[in-house]
PDB file of all heavy atoms in Angstrom:
ATOM      1  N   SER A   1       0.989   3.482  10.168  1.00  0.00           N
ATOM      2  CA  SER A   1       2.364   3.409   9.707  1.00  0.00           C
ATOM      3  C   SER A   1       2.604   1.976   9.152  1.00  0.00           C
ATOM      4  O   SER A   1       2.060   1.028   9.640  1.00  0.00           O
ATOM      5  CB  SER A   1       3.411   3.686  10.769  1.00  0.00           C
ATOM      6  OG  SER A   1       3.219   5.014  11.312  1.00  0.00           O
ATOM      7  N   CYS A   2       3.471   1.904   8.128  1.00  0.00           N
ATOM      8  CA  CYS A   2       3.776   0.651   7.535  1.00  0.00           C
ATOM      9  C   CYS A   2       5.274   0.700   7.138  1.00  0.00           C
ATOM     10  O   CYS A   2       5.632   1.480   6.280  1.00  0.00           O
ATOM     11  CB  CYS A   2       2.933   0.315   6.347  1.00  0.00           C
ATOM     12  SG  CYS A   2       3.418  -1.178   5.436  1.00  0.00           S
ATOM     13  N   ALA A   3       6.039  -0.149   7.765  1.00  0.00           N
ATOM     14  CA  ALA A   3       7.470  -0.201   7.520  1.00  0.00           C
ATOM     15  C   ALA A   3       7.815  -1.488   6.709  1.00  0.00           C
ATOM     16  O   ALA A   3       7.396  -2.533   7.106  1.00  0.00           O
ATOM     17  CB  ALA A   3       8.281  -0.171   8.786  1.00  0.00           C
ATOM     18  N   VAL A   4       8.567  -1.261   5.659  1.00  0.00           N
ATOM     19  CA  VAL A   4       8.953  -2.387   4.802  1.00  0.00           C
ATOM     20  C   VAL A   4      10.412  -2.724   5.094  1.00  0.00           C
ATOM     21  O   VAL A   4      11.262  -1.846   5.151  1.00  0.00           O
ATOM     22  CB  VAL A   4       8.790  -1.978   3.308  1.00  0.00           C
ATOM     23  CG1 VAL A   4       9.203  -3.175   2.418  1.00  0.00           C
ATOM     24  CG2 VAL A   4       7.376  -1.537   2.998  1.00  0.00           C
ATOM     25  N   SER A   5      10.608  -3.996   5.303  1.00  0.00           N
ATOM     26  CA  SER A   5      11.977  -4.478   5.593  1.00  0.00           C
ATOM     27  C   SER A   5      12.266  -5.716   4.735  1.00  0.00           C
ATOM     28  O   SER A   5      11.396  -6.356   4.178  1.00  0.00           O
ATOM     29  CB  SER A   5      12.187  -4.780   7.023  1.00  0.00           C
ATOM     30  OG  SER A   5      11.344  -5.893   7.469  1.00  0.00           O
ATOM     31  N   GLY A   6      13.541  -6.088   4.636  1.00  0.00           N
ATOM     32  CA  GLY A   6      13.982  -7.271   3.870  1.00  0.00           C
ATOM     33  C   GLY A   6      14.817  -6.888   2.703  1.00  0.00           C
ATOM     34  O   GLY A   6      15.443  -5.858   2.664  1.00  0.00           O
ATOM     35  N   SER A   7      14.902  -7.813   1.748  1.00  0.00           N
ATOM     36  CA  SER A   7      15.716  -7.617   0.573  1.00  0.00           C
ATOM     37  C   SER A   7      14.943  -6.753  -0.467  1.00  0.00           C
ATOM     38  O   SER A   7      14.018  -7.236  -1.100  1.00  0.00           O
ATOM     39  CB  SER A   7      16.103  -8.937  -0.060  1.00  0.00           C
ATOM     40  OG  SER A   7      16.844  -9.720   0.880  1.00  0.00           O
ATOM     41  N   ILE A   8      15.259  -5.533  -0.470  1.00  0.00           N
ATOM     42  CA  ILE A   8      14.551  -4.555  -1.313  1.00  0.00           C
ATOM     43  C   ILE A   8      15.490  -3.847  -2.294  1.00  0.00           C
ATOM     44  O   ILE A   8      16.515  -3.285  -1.889  1.00  0.00           O
ATOM     45  CB  ILE A   8      13.892  -3.491  -0.464  1.00  0.00           C
ATOM     46  CG1 ILE A   8      12.918  -4.118   0.542  1.00  0.00           C
ATOM     47  CG2 ILE A   8      13.107  -2.498  -1.340  1.00  0.00           C
ATOM     48  CD1 ILE A   8      12.421  -3.208   1.613  1.00  0.00           C
ATOM     49  N   SER A   9      15.158  -3.928  -3.562  1.00  0.00           N
ATOM     50  CA  SER A   9      15.935  -3.221  -4.589  1.00  0.00           C
ATOM     51  C   SER A   9      15.336  -1.838  -4.739  1.00  0.00           C
ATOM     52  O   SER A   9      16.055  -0.840  -4.697  1.00  0.00           O
ATOM     53  CB  SER A   9      15.924  -3.988  -5.877  1.00  0.00           C
ATOM     54  OG  SER A   9      16.578  -5.210  -5.795  1.00  0.00           O
ATOM     55  N   SER A  10      14.029  -1.774  -4.903  1.00  0.00           N
ATOM     56  CA  SER A  10      13.375  -0.534  -5.049  1.00  0.00           C
ATOM     57  C   SER A  10      11.856  -0.716  -4.725  1.00  0.00           C
ATOM     58  O   SER A  10      11.359  -1.794  -4.934  1.00  0.00           O
ATOM     59  CB  SER A  10      13.552   0.081  -6.453  1.00  0.00           C
ATOM     60  OG  SER A  10      12.935  -0.772  -7.444  1.00  0.00           O
ATOM     61  N   ILE A  11      11.233   0.303  -4.319  1.00  0.00           N
ATOM     62  CA  ILE A  11       9.804   0.304  -4.016  1.00  0.00           C
ATOM     63  C   ILE A  11       9.108   1.215  -4.974  1.00  0.00           C
ATOM     64  O   ILE A  11       9.442   2.396  -5.046  1.00  0.00           O
ATOM     65  CB  ILE A  11       9.508   0.667  -2.565  1.00  0.00           C
ATOM     66  CG1 ILE A  11      10.227  -0.206  -1.595  1.00  0.00           C
ATOM     67  CG2 ILE A  11       8.011   0.650  -2.326  1.00  0.00           C
ATOM     68  CD1 ILE A  11      10.004   0.098  -0.112  1.00  0.00           C
ATOM     69  N   HIS A  12       8.150   0.665  -5.698  1.00  0.00           N
ATOM     70  CA  HIS A  12       7.392   1.510  -6.631  1.00  0.00           C
ATOM     71  C   HIS A  12       6.271   2.156  -5.785  1.00  0.00           C
ATOM     72  O   HIS A  12       6.521   2.846  -4.861  1.00  0.00           O
ATOM     73  CB  HIS A  12       6.912   0.624  -7.787  1.00  0.00           C
ATOM     74  CG  HIS A  12       8.042   0.103  -8.625  1.00  0.00           C
ATOM     75  ND1 HIS A  12       7.917   0.065 -10.029  1.00  0.00           N
ATOM     76  CD2 HIS A  12       9.223  -0.353  -8.298  1.00  0.00           C
ATOM     77  CE1 HIS A  12       9.087  -0.448 -10.474  1.00  0.00           C
ATOM     78  NE2 HIS A  12       9.904  -0.684  -9.474  1.00  0.00           N
ATOM     79  N   ALA A  13       5.036   1.852  -6.134  1.00  0.00           N
ATOM     80  CA  ALA A  13       3.934   2.442  -5.427  1.00  0.00           C
ATOM     81  C   ALA A  13       3.731   1.795  -4.077  1.00  0.00           C
ATOM     82  O   ALA A  13       3.970   0.596  -3.914  1.00  0.00           O
ATOM     83  CB  ALA A  13       2.641   2.340  -6.228  1.00  0.00           C
ATOM     84  N   MET A  14       3.359   2.582  -3.109  1.00  0.00           N
ATOM     85  CA  MET A  14       2.928   2.124  -1.784  1.00  0.00           C
ATOM     86  C   MET A  14       1.546   2.618  -1.524  1.00  0.00           C
ATOM     87  O   MET A  14       1.210   3.712  -2.016  1.00  0.00           O
ATOM     88  CB  MET A  14       3.915   2.597  -0.685  1.00  0.00           C
ATOM     89  CG  MET A  14       5.337   2.144  -0.888  1.00  0.00           C
ATOM     90  SD  MET A  14       6.420   2.679   0.443  1.00  0.00           S
ATOM     91  CE  MET A  14       5.915   1.501   1.708  1.00  0.00           C
ATOM     92  N   GLY A  15       0.827   1.903  -0.740  1.00  0.00           N
ATOM     93  CA  GLY A  15      -0.538   2.402  -0.500  1.00  0.00           C
ATOM     94  C   GLY A  15      -1.261   1.662   0.624  1.00  0.00           C
ATOM     95  O   GLY A  15      -0.684   0.807   1.293  1.00  0.00           O
ATOM     96  N   TRP A  16      -2.518   2.048   0.801  1.00  0.00           N
ATOM     97  CA  TRP A  16      -3.343   1.527   1.827  1.00  0.00           C
ATOM     98  C   TRP A  16      -4.679   1.074   1.171  1.00  0.00           C
ATOM     99  O   TRP A  16      -5.303   1.821   0.391  1.00  0.00           O
ATOM    100  CB  TRP A  16      -3.651   2.485   2.913  1.00  0.00           C
ATOM    101  CG  TRP A  16      -2.449   2.878   3.718  1.00  0.00           C
ATOM    102  CD1 TRP A  16      -1.572   3.854   3.495  1.00  0.00           C
ATOM    103  CD2 TRP A  16      -1.965   2.160   4.872  1.00  0.00           C
ATOM    104  NE1 TRP A  16      -0.589   3.898   4.465  1.00  0.00           N
ATOM    105  CE2 TRP A  16      -0.806   2.829   5.335  1.00  0.00           C
ATOM    106  CE3 TRP A  16      -2.425   1.069   5.610  1.00  0.00           C
ATOM    107  CZ2 TRP A  16      -0.083   2.420   6.472  1.00  0.00           C
ATOM    108  CZ3 TRP A  16      -1.719   0.664   6.715  1.00  0.00           C
ATOM    109  CH2 TRP A  16      -0.570   1.344   7.161  1.00  0.00           C
ATOM    110  N   TYR A  17      -5.083  -0.082   1.520  1.00  0.00           N
ATOM    111  CA  TYR A  17      -6.389  -0.626   1.140  1.00  0.00           C
ATOM    112  C   TYR A  17      -7.155  -0.950   2.351  1.00  0.00           C
ATOM    113  O   TYR A  17      -6.554  -1.147   3.412  1.00  0.00           O
ATOM    114  CB  TYR A  17      -6.220  -1.898   0.261  1.00  0.00           C
ATOM    115  CG  TYR A  17      -5.672  -1.608  -1.110  1.00  0.00           C
ATOM    116  CD1 TYR A  17      -4.351  -1.207  -1.294  1.00  0.00           C
ATOM    117  CD2 TYR A  17      -6.483  -1.824  -2.252  1.00  0.00           C
ATOM    118  CE1 TYR A  17      -3.868  -1.002  -2.605  1.00  0.00           C
ATOM    119  CE2 TYR A  17      -5.969  -1.624  -3.525  1.00  0.00           C
ATOM    120  CZ  TYR A  17      -4.626  -1.236  -3.659  1.00  0.00           C
ATOM    121  OH  TYR A  17      -4.150  -0.970  -4.978  1.00  0.00           O
ATOM    122  N   ARG A  18      -8.478  -1.121   2.259  1.00  0.00           N
ATOM    123  CA  ARG A  18      -9.263  -1.470   3.415  1.00  0.00           C
ATOM    124  C   ARG A  18     -10.323  -2.417   2.969  1.00  0.00           C
ATOM    125  O   ARG A  18     -10.777  -2.475   1.817  1.00  0.00           O
ATOM    126  CB  ARG A  18      -9.826  -0.274   4.132  1.00  0.00           C
ATOM    127  CG  ARG A  18     -10.915   0.456   3.319  1.00  0.00           C
ATOM    128  CD  ARG A  18     -11.303   1.755   4.072  1.00  0.00           C
ATOM    129  NE  ARG A  18     -12.367   2.499   3.308  1.00  0.00           N
ATOM    130  CZ  ARG A  18     -12.763   3.681   3.681  1.00  0.00           C
ATOM    131  NH1 ARG A  18     -12.235   4.310   4.731  1.00  0.00           N
ATOM    132  NH2 ARG A  18     -13.725   4.263   2.956  1.00  0.00           N
ATOM    133  N   GLN A  19     -10.799  -3.232   3.970  1.00  0.00           N
ATOM    134  CA  GLN A  19     -11.854  -4.185   3.725  1.00  0.00           C
ATOM    135  C   GLN A  19     -12.750  -4.269   4.913  1.00  0.00           C
ATOM    136  O   GLN A  19     -12.364  -4.563   5.990  1.00  0.00           O
ATOM    137  CB  GLN A  19     -11.295  -5.578   3.415  1.00  0.00           C
ATOM    138  CG  GLN A  19     -12.337  -6.557   2.973  1.00  0.00           C
ATOM    139  CD  GLN A  19     -11.722  -7.832   2.385  1.00  0.00           C
ATOM    140  OE1 GLN A  19     -10.593  -8.199   2.725  1.00  0.00           O
ATOM    141  NE2 GLN A  19     -12.505  -8.531   1.534  1.00  0.00           N
ATOM    142  N   ALA A  20     -14.016  -3.880   4.718  1.00  0.00           N
ATOM    143  CA  ALA A  20     -15.020  -3.991   5.707  1.00  0.00           C
ATOM    144  C   ALA A  20     -15.789  -5.301   5.554  1.00  0.00           C
ATOM    145  O   ALA A  20     -15.794  -5.916   4.513  1.00  0.00           O
ATOM    146  CB  ALA A  20     -15.992  -2.821   5.625  1.00  0.00           C
ATOM    147  N   PRO A  21     -16.392  -5.806   6.662  1.00  0.00           N
ATOM    148  CA  PRO A  21     -17.131  -7.023   6.596  1.00  0.00           C
ATOM    149  C   PRO A  21     -18.129  -7.011   5.449  1.00  0.00           C
ATOM    150  O   PRO A  21     -18.919  -6.063   5.365  1.00  0.00           O
ATOM    151  CB  PRO A  21     -17.785  -7.146   7.964  1.00  0.00           C
ATOM    152  CG  PRO A  21     -16.909  -6.335   8.874  1.00  0.00           C
ATOM    153  CD  PRO A  21     -16.444  -5.224   8.046  1.00  0.00           C
ATOM    154  N   GLY A  22     -18.129  -8.049   4.638  1.00  0.00           N
ATOM    155  CA  GLY A  22     -19.082  -8.162   3.546  1.00  0.00           C
ATOM    156  C   GLY A  22     -18.759  -7.306   2.374  1.00  0.00           C
ATOM    157  O   GLY A  22     -19.569  -7.253   1.421  1.00  0.00           O
ATOM    158  N   LYS A  23     -17.671  -6.597   2.402  1.00  0.00           N
ATOM    159  CA  LYS A  23     -17.292  -5.686   1.267  1.00  0.00           C
ATOM    160  C   LYS A  23     -15.991  -6.213   0.631  1.00  0.00           C
ATOM    161  O   LYS A  23     -15.220  -6.976   1.171  1.00  0.00           O
ATOM    162  CB  LYS A  23     -17.052  -4.304   1.816  1.00  0.00           C
ATOM    163  CG  LYS A  23     -18.236  -3.665   2.548  1.00  0.00           C
ATOM    164  CD  LYS A  23     -19.349  -3.376   1.536  1.00  0.00           C
ATOM    165  CE  LYS A  23     -20.506  -2.624   2.281  1.00  0.00           C
ATOM    166  NZ  LYS A  23     -21.613  -2.295   1.312  1.00  0.00           N
ATOM    167  N   GLU A  24     -15.819  -5.712  -0.584  1.00  0.00           N
ATOM    168  CA  GLU A  24     -14.565  -5.984  -1.298  1.00  0.00           C
ATOM    169  C   GLU A  24     -13.457  -5.105  -0.771  1.00  0.00           C
ATOM    170  O   GLU A  24     -13.714  -3.993  -0.293  1.00  0.00           O
ATOM    171  CB  GLU A  24     -14.766  -5.772  -2.813  1.00  0.00           C
ATOM    172  CG  GLU A  24     -15.789  -6.653  -3.451  1.00  0.00           C
ATOM    173  CD  GLU A  24     -15.372  -8.056  -3.546  1.00  0.00           C
ATOM    174  OE1 GLU A  24     -14.183  -8.295  -3.804  1.00  0.00           O
ATOM    175  OE2 GLU A  24     -16.184  -8.956  -3.353  1.00  0.00           O
ATOM    176  N   ARG A  25     -12.246  -5.583  -0.911  1.00  0.00           N
ATOM    177  CA  ARG A  25     -11.134  -4.751  -0.567  1.00  0.00           C
ATOM    178  C   ARG A  25     -11.026  -3.606  -1.570  1.00  0.00           C
ATOM    179  O   ARG A  25     -11.142  -3.842  -2.766  1.00  0.00           O
ATOM    180  CB  ARG A  25      -9.814  -5.601  -0.604  1.00  0.00           C
ATOM    181  CG  ARG A  25      -8.576  -4.800  -0.165  1.00  0.00           C
ATOM    182  CD  ARG A  25      -7.359  -5.683  -0.069  1.00  0.00           C
ATOM    183  NE  ARG A  25      -7.489  -6.739   0.940  1.00  0.00           N
ATOM    184  CZ  ARG A  25      -6.457  -7.549   1.279  1.00  0.00           C
ATOM    185  NH1 ARG A  25      -5.235  -7.401   0.705  1.00  0.00           N
ATOM    186  NH2 ARG A  25      -6.657  -8.486   2.196  1.00  0.00           N
ATOM    187  N   GLU A  26     -10.833  -2.427  -1.013  1.00  0.00           N
ATOM    188  CA  GLU A  26     -10.831  -1.216  -1.874  1.00  0.00           C
ATOM    189  C   GLU A  26      -9.590  -0.359  -1.618  1.00  0.00           C
ATOM    190  O   GLU A  26      -9.083  -0.326  -0.505  1.00  0.00           O
ATOM    191  CB  GLU A  26     -12.087  -0.404  -1.710  1.00  0.00           C
ATOM    192  CG  GLU A  26     -12.226   0.176  -0.279  1.00  0.00           C
ATOM    193  CD  GLU A  26     -13.411   1.117  -0.153  1.00  0.00           C
ATOM    194  OE1 GLU A  26     -14.077   1.384  -1.174  1.00  0.00           O
ATOM    195  OE2 GLU A  26     -13.683   1.540   0.968  1.00  0.00           O
ATOM    196  N   LEU A  27      -9.167   0.305  -2.653  1.00  0.00           N
ATOM    197  CA  LEU A  27      -8.089   1.288  -2.530  1.00  0.00           C
ATOM    198  C   LEU A  27      -8.555   2.456  -1.691  1.00  0.00           C
ATOM    199  O   LEU A  27      -9.601   3.049  -1.912  1.00  0.00           O
ATOM    200  CB  LEU A  27      -7.616   1.734  -3.878  1.00  0.00           C
ATOM    201  CG  LEU A  27      -6.615   2.829  -3.894  1.00  0.00           C
ATOM    202  CD1 LEU A  27      -5.216   2.372  -3.424  1.00  0.00           C
ATOM    203  CD2 LEU A  27      -6.497   3.516  -5.258  1.00  0.00           C
ATOM    204  N   VAL A  28      -7.686   2.798  -0.708  1.00  0.00           N
ATOM    205  CA  VAL A  28      -7.937   4.003   0.110  1.00  0.00           C
ATOM    206  C   VAL A  28      -7.027   5.144  -0.444  1.00  0.00           C
ATOM    207  O   VAL A  28      -7.497   6.272  -0.706  1.00  0.00           O
ATOM    208  CB  VAL A  28      -7.662   3.752   1.571  1.00  0.00           C
ATOM    209  CG1 VAL A  28      -7.825   5.034   2.380  1.00  0.00           C
ATOM    210  CG2 VAL A  28      -8.554   2.674   2.116  1.00  0.00           C
ATOM    211  N   ALA A  29      -5.749   4.872  -0.502  1.00  0.00           N
ATOM    212  CA  ALA A  29      -4.805   5.882  -0.967  1.00  0.00           C
ATOM    213  C   ALA A  29      -3.549   5.221  -1.453  1.00  0.00           C
ATOM    214  O   ALA A  29      -3.187   4.141  -0.962  1.00  0.00           O
ATOM    215  CB  ALA A  29      -4.439   6.867   0.142  1.00  0.00           C
ATOM    216  N   GLU A  30      -2.889   5.838  -2.389  1.00  0.00           N
ATOM    217  CA  GLU A  30      -1.667   5.292  -2.971  1.00  0.00           C
ATOM    218  C   GLU A  30      -0.708   6.455  -3.277  1.00  0.00           C
ATOM    219  O   GLU A  30      -1.150   7.550  -3.661  1.00  0.00           O
ATOM    220  CB  GLU A  30      -1.999   4.526  -4.210  1.00  0.00           C
ATOM    221  CG  GLU A  30      -0.810   3.764  -4.806  1.00  0.00           C
ATOM    222  CD  GLU A  30      -1.212   2.945  -6.014  1.00  0.00           C
ATOM    223  OE1 GLU A  30      -1.929   3.468  -6.890  1.00  0.00           O
ATOM    224  OE2 GLU A  30      -0.820   1.734  -6.084  1.00  0.00           O
ATOM    225  N   VAL A  31       0.586   6.182  -3.119  1.00  0.00           N
ATOM    226  CA  VAL A  31       1.594   7.161  -3.481  1.00  0.00           C
ATOM    227  C   VAL A  31       2.760   6.487  -4.224  1.00  0.00           C
ATOM    228  O   VAL A  31       3.159   5.406  -3.841  1.00  0.00           O
ATOM    229  CB  VAL A  31       2.095   7.925  -2.189  1.00  0.00           C
ATOM    230  CG1 VAL A  31       2.657   6.939  -1.159  1.00  0.00           C
ATOM    231  CG2 VAL A  31       3.077   9.011  -2.590  1.00  0.00           C
ATOM    232  N   THR A  32       3.138   7.104  -5.270  1.00  0.00           N
ATOM    233  CA  THR A  32       4.313   6.588  -6.014  1.00  0.00           C
ATOM    234  C   THR A  32       5.620   7.086  -5.482  1.00  0.00           C
ATOM    235  O   THR A  32       5.669   7.964  -4.627  1.00  0.00           O
ATOM    236  CB  THR A  32       4.175   6.983  -7.483  1.00  0.00           C
ATOM    237  OG1 THR A  32       4.381   8.356  -7.639  1.00  0.00           O
ATOM    238  CG2 THR A  32       2.836   6.615  -8.062  1.00  0.00           C
ATOM    239  N   THR A  33       6.687   6.539  -5.971  1.00  0.00           N
ATOM    240  CA  THR A  33       8.004   6.974  -5.603  1.00  0.00           C
ATOM    241  C   THR A  33       8.189   8.438  -5.916  1.00  0.00           C
ATOM    242  O   THR A  33       8.840   9.158  -5.113  1.00  0.00           O
ATOM    243  CB  THR A  33       9.111   6.135  -6.260  1.00  0.00           C
ATOM    244  OG1 THR A  33       8.943   4.758  -5.970  1.00  0.00           O
ATOM    245  CG2 THR A  33      10.498   6.578  -5.862  1.00  0.00           C
ATOM    246  N   GLY A  34       7.629   8.855  -6.988  1.00  0.00           N
ATOM    247  CA  GLY A  34       7.748  10.304  -7.374  1.00  0.00           C
ATOM    248  C   GLY A  34       6.814  11.222  -6.643  1.00  0.00           C
ATOM    249  O   GLY A  34       6.943  12.447  -6.773  1.00  0.00           O
ATOM    250  N   GLY A  35       5.951  10.714  -5.798  1.00  0.00           N
ATOM    251  CA  GLY A  35       5.124  11.496  -4.945  1.00  0.00           C
ATOM    252  C   GLY A  35       3.707  11.715  -5.461  1.00  0.00           C
ATOM    253  O   GLY A  35       2.918  12.439  -4.755  1.00  0.00           O
TER     254      GLY A  35
END
């Protein structure tokens, strides 16, 4: 879970990335406001 707080006007895409040792950070999944 990831909760966003603070001064927010709108949130566009939200997602998850991951990074394993010795690897580049990579996209795991992403979802837009529209779904």
